[in-house]
Amino acid sequence: MARILVVEDSSAFRAFIRAALEETPGLFATSPDDAQGEVEVVEAASGFDALRLLPRGHYDLVITDINMPDINGLELLRFMRDSERHRKVATIIISTQSSEKDRARGLALGADAFLAKPFTVEALQRAITTILQARSSLPPAETSEGSR
């Protein structure tokens, strides 16, 4: 089962992402025989909440908004990349500010993808599929599985 942390201050947008993740059978399948590809979605309403949740278990993917109160998504990503435990966790940065500067900053900090709001369920699915395919082609030591 894949475990996803969604960090977003808008409860409506968290619900949208949760529904998109939970209603996509097989997106997180670990093998061709695993048609279920079940997912557990954990929600955080701020970067601070995410920092409290990260130590409580392994996450396969973190989807985080940039613009949030207290700790923003880029600061959260910086913390994750500096943390031995969370360094290799796949991340998607989302933002209403679709400027090239925000995108470049997120990717430079190690985000795997950037999505500008509003985005479609299909765009989120494509981003996740691209990340999973890229990571499955890496040697085990290069993936989050190898850092457990």
Protein backbone atom coordinates (compact mmCIF):
# COMPACT_ATOMS: atom_id res chain seq x y z
CA MET A 1 0.00 0.00 0.00
CA ALA A 2 1.33 3.42 -0.98
CA ARG A 3 1.29 6.10 1.70
CA ILE A 4 0.82 9.68 0.49
CA LEU A 5 1.09 12.90 2.51
CA VAL A 6 -0.97 15.78 1.09
CA VAL A 7 0.07 19.15 2.49
CA GLU A 8 -2.41 21.86 1.53
CA ASP A 9 -4.06 24.64 3.53
CA SER A 10 -7.29 24.50 1.49
CA SER A 11 -9.52 21.72 2.82
CA ALA A 12 -11.44 21.68 -0.48
CA PHE A 13 -8.25 21.15 -2.48
CA ARG A 14 -7.03 18.47 -0.05
CA ALA A 15 -10.36 16.67 -0.60
CA PHE A 16 -9.93 16.98 -4.39
CA ILE A 17 -6.44 15.45 -4.24
CA ARG A 18 -7.58 12.70 -1.85
CA ALA A 19 -10.44 11.75 -4.17
CA ALA A 20 -8.12 11.76 -7.19
CA LEU A 21 -5.66 9.45 -5.43
CA GLU A 22 -8.19 7.08 -3.88
CA GLU A 23 -10.33 6.75 -6.99
CA THR A 24 -7.52 5.74 -9.32
CA PRO A 25 -7.25 1.95 -9.06
CA GLY A 26 -3.85 0.56 -9.91
CA LEU A 27 -2.00 3.90 -10.01
CA PHE A 28 0.26 2.73 -7.19
CA ALA A 29 0.37 -0.94 -8.16
CA THR A 30 3.70 -2.46 -7.19
CA SER A 31 3.56 -5.23 -9.79
CA PRO A 32 1.43 -6.29 -12.79
CA ASP A 33 -0.41 -8.69 -10.47
CA ASP A 34 -1.26 -5.88 -8.03
CA ALA A 35 -4.34 -4.43 -9.73
CA GLN A 36 -5.50 -2.79 -6.51
CA GLY A 37 -2.56 -0.47 -5.88
CA GLU A 38 -4.23 0.70 -2.69
CA VAL A 39 -3.29 4.05 -1.22
CA GLU A 40 -3.44 5.61 2.23
CA VAL A 41 -3.79 9.39 2.10
CA VAL A 42 -2.65 11.38 5.13
CA GLU A 43 -3.60 15.08 5.20
CA ALA A 44 -1.77 18.06 6.69
CA ALA A 45 -3.25 21.57 6.68
CA SER A 46 0.14 23.31 6.92
CA GLY A 47 3.85 22.78 6.61
CA PHE A 48 4.07 22.71 10.39
CA ASP A 49 1.51 19.88 10.53
CA ALA A 50 3.53 18.02 7.90
CA LEU A 51 6.69 18.32 9.99
CA ARG A 52 4.80 16.72 12.88
CA LEU A 53 3.51 13.88 10.66
CA LEU A 54 6.68 13.02 8.73
CA PRO A 55 8.43 11.25 11.64
CA ARG A 56 5.38 9.05 12.23
CA GLY A 57 6.05 6.70 9.34
CA HIS A 58 7.24 6.15 5.81
CA TYR A 59 5.70 8.10 2.93
CA ASP A 60 6.01 7.12 -0.73
CA LEU A 61 4.96 10.54 -2.01
CA VAL A 62 4.46 14.03 -0.60
CA ILE A 63 2.26 16.48 -2.49
CA THR A 64 2.68 19.98 -1.08
CA ASP A 65 1.39 23.44 -1.84
CA ILE A 66 4.00 26.21 -1.92
CA ASN A 67 1.94 29.01 -0.37
CA MET A 68 0.86 28.09 3.15
CA PRO A 69 0.87 29.76 6.55
CA ASP A 70 3.83 29.17 8.90
CA ILE A 71 6.11 26.80 6.93
CA ASN A 72 5.67 26.93 3.16
CA GLY A 73 6.07 24.02 0.76
CA LEU A 74 9.59 25.00 -0.33
CA GLU A 75 10.76 25.12 3.30
CA LEU A 76 9.15 21.72 3.87
CA LEU A 77 10.91 20.34 0.80
CA ARG A 78 14.23 21.76 2.01
CA PHE A 79 13.72 20.05 5.39
CA MET A 80 12.93 16.75 3.66
CA ARG A 81 16.01 16.89 1.43
CA ASP A 82 18.19 17.64 4.48
CA SER A 83 16.69 14.70 6.40
CA GLU A 84 18.35 11.31 5.96
CA ARG A 85 15.01 9.57 6.48
CA HIS A 86 12.97 11.65 4.01
CA ARG A 87 15.61 12.66 1.47
CA LYS A 88 14.48 10.19 -1.20
CA VAL A 89 10.70 10.58 -0.81
CA ALA A 90 9.07 11.56 -4.11
CA THR A 91 7.56 15.05 -4.05
CA ILE A 92 5.15 17.07 -6.15
CA ILE A 93 4.98 20.83 -5.60
CA ILE A 94 1.66 22.53 -6.36
CA SER A 95 0.95 26.26 -6.51
CA THR A 96 -1.50 28.85 -7.76
CA GLN A 97 1.54 30.87 -8.77
CA SER A 98 2.63 29.14 -11.94
CA SER A 99 5.67 31.35 -12.46
CA GLU A 100 8.79 29.83 -13.91
CA LYS A 101 10.66 31.13 -10.85
CA ASP A 102 8.52 29.06 -8.44
CA ARG A 103 8.81 26.00 -10.66
CA ALA A 104 12.59 26.37 -10.94
CA ARG A 105 12.98 26.89 -7.17
CA GLY A 106 10.94 23.77 -6.39
CA LEU A 107 12.78 21.60 -8.88
CA ALA A 108 16.17 22.96 -7.73
CA LEU A 109 15.29 21.91 -4.17
CA GLY A 110 14.63 18.38 -5.40
CA ALA A 111 10.92 18.23 -6.22
CA ASP A 112 10.09 15.53 -8.75
CA ALA A 113 7.30 17.55 -10.39
CA PHE A 114 5.51 20.90 -10.33
CA LEU A 115 1.80 21.36 -11.01
CA ALA A 116 0.12 24.75 -11.38
CA LYS A 117 -3.35 25.08 -9.84
CA PRO A 118 -5.92 24.46 -10.96
CA PHE A 119 -4.92 21.12 -12.44
CA THR A 120 -6.95 18.14 -13.56
CA VAL A 121 -7.08 14.67 -12.06
CA GLU A 122 -5.42 13.47 -15.27
CA ALA A 123 -2.51 15.91 -14.86
CA LEU A 124 -1.94 14.67 -11.30
CA GLN A 125 -2.10 11.06 -12.47
CA ARG A 126 0.40 11.76 -15.29
CA ALA A 127 2.82 13.41 -12.86
CA ILE A 128 2.62 10.48 -10.46
CA THR A 129 2.99 7.91 -13.24
CA THR A 130 6.06 9.72 -14.60
CA ILE A 131 7.66 9.82 -11.14
CA LEU A 132 6.92 6.15 -10.44
CA GLN A 133 8.29 5.08 -13.84
CA ALA A 134 11.45 7.14 -13.40
CA ARG A 135 12.04 5.78 -9.91
CA SER A 136 11.39 2.17 -10.93
CA SER A 137 14.19 2.45 -13.50
CA LEU A 138 16.72 3.52 -10.84
CA PRO A 139 18.91 1.04 -8.95
CA PRO A 140 17.43 0.16 -5.51
CA ALA A 141 19.88 2.40 -3.60
CA GLU A 142 18.61 5.40 -5.57
CA THR A 143 14.93 5.00 -4.65
CA SER A 144 13.04 5.68 -1.44
CA GLU A 145 12.76 1.93 -0.99
CA GLY A 146 16.53 1.74 -0.65
CA SER A 147 16.60 4.37 2.08
CA ARG A 148 14.31 2.56 4.54
